[in-house]
Amino acid sequence: QVQLVESGGGLVQAGGSLTLSCAASGSIFSIGVMGWYRQAPGNQRELVAGISSGGGNTNYADSVKGRFTVSRDNSKNTVYLQMNSLKPEDTAVYYCNAYVRAPAYVRATMLWGQGTQVTVSS
């Protein structure tokens, strides 16, 4: 089956930067939209950024506009989230998701990674 695996999380000082990666593995026909979400304990999971299949259309939560950049490399089935000027309120588990068409699925299927922790210290 297809799996999404995030990497790049960690501990960073406020004002610093991190880049997250999410790679899809397995037999895949194509990947449509991909996105990044985040969830802190006690909070709802929220959309951080999304990107269209070709990478030409992106959208961001108001809280991260101007600081985060989402991109993708379809040759690697990978989506990235470049995070600059990080704030303590960015602390959360970050999850990627993707709309995937693959032999294992009779229909296009929304998949989620297991998450990577981002902690921003003050």
C-alpha atoms as a PDB file:
ATOM      1  CA  GLN A   1       0.000   0.000   0.000  1.00  0.00           C
ATOM      2  CA  VAL A   2       0.948   3.640  -0.176  1.00  0.00           C
ATOM      3  CA  GLN A   3       2.496   5.281   2.848  1.00  0.00           C
ATOM      4  CA  LEU A   4       3.249   8.896   3.663  1.00  0.00           C
ATOM      5  CA  VAL A   5       6.235   9.516   5.908  1.00  0.00           C
ATOM      6  CA  GLU A   6       7.041  12.931   7.366  1.00  0.00           C
ATOM      7  CA  SER A   7      10.491  14.028   8.438  1.00  0.00           C
ATOM      8  CA  GLY A   8      12.312  17.172   9.475  1.00  0.00           C
ATOM      9  CA  GLY A   9      10.582  18.032  12.707  1.00  0.00           C
ATOM     10  CA  GLY A  10      12.433  18.972  15.839  1.00  0.00           C
ATOM     11  CA  LEU A  11      13.147  21.646  18.391  1.00  0.00           C
ATOM     12  CA  VAL A  12      13.919  25.147  17.188  1.00  0.00           C
ATOM     13  CA  GLN A  13      14.237  28.551  18.793  1.00  0.00           C
ATOM     14  CA  ALA A  14      11.641  31.207  18.080  1.00  0.00           C
ATOM     15  CA  GLY A  15      12.563  33.044  14.914  1.00  0.00           C
ATOM     16  CA  GLY A  16      14.305  30.029  13.483  1.00  0.00           C
ATOM     17  CA  SER A  17      13.473  27.823  10.533  1.00  0.00           C
ATOM     18  CA  LEU A  18      12.662  24.223   9.769  1.00  0.00           C
ATOM     19  CA  THR A  19      11.814  22.388   6.590  1.00  0.00           C
ATOM     20  CA  LEU A  20       9.475  19.422   6.730  1.00  0.00           C
ATOM     21  CA  SER A  21       9.335  16.721   4.085  1.00  0.00           C
ATOM     22  CA  CYS A  22       6.682  14.153   3.329  1.00  0.00           C
ATOM     23  CA  ALA A  23       7.438  11.363   0.895  1.00  0.00           C
ATOM     24  CA  ALA A  24       4.909   8.968  -0.552  1.00  0.00           C
ATOM     25  CA  SER A  25       6.095   5.439  -1.181  1.00  0.00           C
ATOM     26  CA  GLY A  26       4.560   2.434  -2.868  1.00  0.00           C
ATOM     27  CA  SER A  27       2.956   1.805  -6.221  1.00  0.00           C
ATOM     28  CA  ILE A  28       1.214   5.019  -7.222  1.00  0.00           C
ATOM     29  CA  PHE A  29      -0.638   6.107 -10.320  1.00  0.00           C
ATOM     30  CA  SER A  30      -0.753   9.753  -9.397  1.00  0.00           C
ATOM     31  CA  ILE A  31      -1.044  12.127  -6.484  1.00  0.00           C
ATOM     32  CA  GLY A  32      -3.442  15.018  -6.559  1.00  0.00           C
ATOM     33  CA  VAL A  33      -3.610  17.763  -3.996  1.00  0.00           C
ATOM     34  CA  MET A  34      -1.293  17.496  -1.011  1.00  0.00           C
ATOM     35  CA  GLY A  35      -1.434  19.388   2.224  1.00  0.00           C
ATOM     36  CA  TRP A  36       0.032  20.028   5.615  1.00  0.00           C
ATOM     37  CA  TYR A  37      -2.025  20.074   8.787  1.00  0.00           C
ATOM     38  CA  ARG A  38      -1.067  20.564  12.393  1.00  0.00           C
ATOM     39  CA  GLN A  39      -2.553  19.695  15.742  1.00  0.00           C
ATOM     40  CA  ALA A  40      -1.549  20.705  19.241  1.00  0.00           C
ATOM     41  CA  PRO A  41      -2.868  18.908  22.347  1.00  0.00           C
ATOM     42  CA  GLY A  42      -6.403  20.015  23.079  1.00  0.00           C
ATOM     43  CA  ASN A  43      -6.729  21.771  19.732  1.00  0.00           C
ATOM     44  CA  GLN A  44      -8.456  20.886  16.516  1.00  0.00           C
ATOM     45  CA  ARG A  45      -6.412  19.769  13.571  1.00  0.00           C
ATOM     46  CA  GLU A  46      -6.070  22.695  11.218  1.00  0.00           C
ATOM     47  CA  LEU A  47      -5.006  23.123   7.632  1.00  0.00           C
ATOM     48  CA  VAL A  48      -1.643  24.845   7.351  1.00  0.00           C
ATOM     49  CA  ALA A  49      -0.986  24.756   3.617  1.00  0.00           C
ATOM     50  CA  GLY A  50      -2.179  23.025   0.492  1.00  0.00           C
ATOM     51  CA  ILE A  51      -0.742  22.594  -2.976  1.00  0.00           C
ATOM     52  CA  SER A  52      -2.277  21.484  -6.255  1.00  0.00           C
ATOM     53  CA  SER A  53      -1.149  18.452  -8.198  1.00  0.00           C
ATOM     54  CA  GLY A  54       1.172  20.415 -10.449  1.00  0.00           C
ATOM     55  CA  GLY A  55       2.426  22.708  -7.720  1.00  0.00           C
ATOM     56  CA  GLY A  56       1.101  25.839  -9.357  1.00  0.00           C
ATOM     57  CA  ASN A  57      -1.643  26.631  -6.876  1.00  0.00           C
ATOM     58  CA  THR A  58      -1.060  26.987  -3.145  1.00  0.00           C
ATOM     59  CA  ASN A  59      -3.030  28.180  -0.175  1.00  0.00           C
ATOM     60  CA  TYR A  60      -2.123  28.947   3.413  1.00  0.00           C
ATOM     61  CA  ALA A  61      -3.719  29.500   6.747  1.00  0.00           C
ATOM     62  CA  ASP A  62      -3.755  33.175   7.650  1.00  0.00           C
ATOM     63  CA  SER A  63      -1.566  32.444  10.657  1.00  0.00           C
ATOM     64  CA  VAL A  64       1.337  31.253   8.497  1.00  0.00           C
ATOM     65  CA  LYS A  65       1.067  33.433   5.407  1.00  0.00           C
ATOM     66  CA  GLY A  66       4.346  35.106   4.615  1.00  0.00           C
ATOM     67  CA  ARG A  67       6.286  32.717   6.836  1.00  0.00           C
ATOM     68  CA  PHE A  68       5.646  29.237   5.421  1.00  0.00           C
ATOM     69  CA  THR A  69       6.077  27.967   1.877  1.00  0.00           C
ATOM     70  CA  VAL A  70       4.681  24.706   0.546  1.00  0.00           C
ATOM     71  CA  SER A  71       6.202  23.059  -2.506  1.00  0.00           C
ATOM     72  CA  ARG A  72       6.392  19.646  -4.101  1.00  0.00           C
ATOM     73  CA  ASP A  73       8.671  17.537  -6.241  1.00  0.00           C
ATOM     74  CA  ASN A  74       6.527  15.124  -8.189  1.00  0.00           C
ATOM     75  CA  SER A  75       9.536  13.190  -9.445  1.00  0.00           C
ATOM     76  CA  LYS A  76      10.097  12.218  -5.803  1.00  0.00           C
ATOM     77  CA  ASN A  77       6.439  12.102  -4.736  1.00  0.00           C
ATOM     78  CA  THR A  78       7.394  14.513  -2.003  1.00  0.00           C
ATOM     79  CA  VAL A  79       5.829  17.622  -0.535  1.00  0.00           C
ATOM     80  CA  TYR A  80       7.769  20.143   1.543  1.00  0.00           C
ATOM     81  CA  LEU A  81       6.898  22.788   4.065  1.00  0.00           C
ATOM     82  CA  GLN A  82       9.509  25.467   4.568  1.00  0.00           C
ATOM     83  CA  MET A  83       8.837  27.223   7.855  1.00  0.00           C
ATOM     84  CA  ASN A  84      10.536  30.519   8.631  1.00  0.00           C
ATOM     85  CA  SER A  85      10.195  32.984  11.488  1.00  0.00           C
ATOM     86  CA  LEU A  86       8.788  30.275  13.700  1.00  0.00           C
ATOM     87  CA  LYS A  87       6.727  31.222  16.724  1.00  0.00           C
ATOM     88  CA  PRO A  88       5.930  29.258  19.887  1.00  0.00           C
ATOM     89  CA  GLU A  89       2.320  29.023  18.725  1.00  0.00           C
ATOM     90  CA  ASP A  90       3.540  26.995  15.738  1.00  0.00           C
ATOM     91  CA  THR A  91       4.326  24.157  18.144  1.00  0.00           C
ATOM     92  CA  ALA A  92       2.296  21.129  17.095  1.00  0.00           C
ATOM     93  CA  VAL A  93       2.415  17.761  15.443  1.00  0.00           C
ATOM     94  CA  TYR A  94       2.499  18.347  11.719  1.00  0.00           C
ATOM     95  CA  TYR A  95       0.807  15.889   9.393  1.00  0.00           C
ATOM     96  CA  CYS A  96       0.904  15.658   5.642  1.00  0.00           C
ATOM     97  CA  ASN A  97      -1.907  14.307   3.559  1.00  0.00           C
ATOM     98  CA  ALA A  98      -2.370  13.462  -0.074  1.00  0.00           C
ATOM     99  CA  TYR A  99      -5.122  12.458  -2.438  1.00  0.00           C
ATOM    100  CA  VAL A 100      -3.726   9.306  -4.053  1.00  0.00           C
ATOM    101  CA  ARG A 101      -4.687   7.096  -6.961  1.00  0.00           C
ATOM    102  CA  ALA A 102      -2.943   3.751  -6.726  1.00  0.00           C
ATOM    103  CA  PRO A 103      -3.459   0.096  -7.681  1.00  0.00           C
ATOM    104  CA  ALA A 104      -4.231  -0.734  -4.065  1.00  0.00           C
ATOM    105  CA  TYR A 105      -7.300   1.494  -4.018  1.00  0.00           C
ATOM    106  CA  VAL A 106     -10.440   1.134  -6.065  1.00  0.00           C
ATOM    107  CA  ARG A 107     -11.000   4.884  -5.739  1.00  0.00           C
ATOM    108  CA  ALA A 108      -8.813   7.860  -5.129  1.00  0.00           C
ATOM    109  CA  THR A 109      -8.050   7.871  -1.426  1.00  0.00           C
ATOM    110  CA  MET A 110      -7.042  10.511   1.076  1.00  0.00           C
ATOM    111  CA  LEU A 111      -4.000   9.347   3.047  1.00  0.00           C
ATOM    112  CA  TRP A 112      -2.303  10.736   6.134  1.00  0.00           C
ATOM    113  CA  GLY A 113       1.200  10.496   7.453  1.00  0.00           C
ATOM    114  CA  GLN A 114       1.899   9.644  11.073  1.00  0.00           C
ATOM    115  CA  GLY A 115       3.071  13.132  11.952  1.00  0.00           C
ATOM    116  CA  THR A 116       6.255  14.859  13.005  1.00  0.00           C
ATOM    117  CA  GLN A 117       6.670  16.997  16.105  1.00  0.00           C
ATOM    118  CA  VAL A 118       7.667  20.633  15.770  1.00  0.00           C
ATOM    119  CA  THR A 119       8.494  22.447  18.986  1.00  0.00           C
ATOM    120  CA  VAL A 120       9.349  26.140  19.007  1.00  0.00           C
ATOM    121  CA  SER A 121      10.909  27.464  22.183  1.00  0.00           C
ATOM    122  CA  SER A 122      10.635  31.041  23.366  1.00  0.00           C
END
